[in-house]
């Protein structure tokens, strides 16, 4: 069933805004009597029924509240070094499907592609739309925030109780227990940092260690910049939802 997100609290009747109307009526070919799910600004989910479609407008009525919670039991933020091409869109789409809370893209020391202030605004707008679309598709109760950081050190790490750095040098040295220990511990609000294609620089590693971040390998194989965050989110889901 199709799911949409509203920016306001839902009353008994709801008039579909322009973009929602266009998708529901023109793309999905919904008509009177059809049902869809609607998430309001309080993350409450309702089953809605279309009761009137006329003159390029549509009205739905509230049928019942849906109480199923599909969110991860912990808040997870991923901070990813900016990479080339459309990797950012791929990361946002798939990380949203896997339950991420927030995604931060930063200009890393080793980033080949960098975003300036002008470019990043358009990028974040586009990526936020990708996050919304992926949230609707995966029936999330929440649309992840997508943010930009001009550099890794500008991120506020103090708000997180668990801070992990995916560091391939740790894996090369045979380290393989840190991630296991972290995921088997108590976590409420976690941030995980991933470098761009070139990795994380020594200066960035030193800064992260000073912020009490833990370096962790993600196994013996070298992953692409867009694969590593998804590996971690899958591991979190297994450890916290399926075990």
Foldseek 3Di string as FASTA:
>chain_A
DFEAEEAADDDQKDKDDLVRLCCVCVPVVDDAQDWYWYAYNVLWIFIWGWHDDDDSITMIGTDGTDDDADAFQAAEEEEAEDEDDPLLLVLLLLVLLLHHAAYEYEHAPPHPDADDPVRVVVVQVVSQVSQRVSCRVNVHSDRHHYYYDHYPLVDDPVVFPAAEEAAAVCLVVPFACPLVVVLLDDGHYYYYYFYAQVTHDPVRVVSVVVVVYYYHYLHNDDDHSSVVVSSSSVVNCCSRPVD
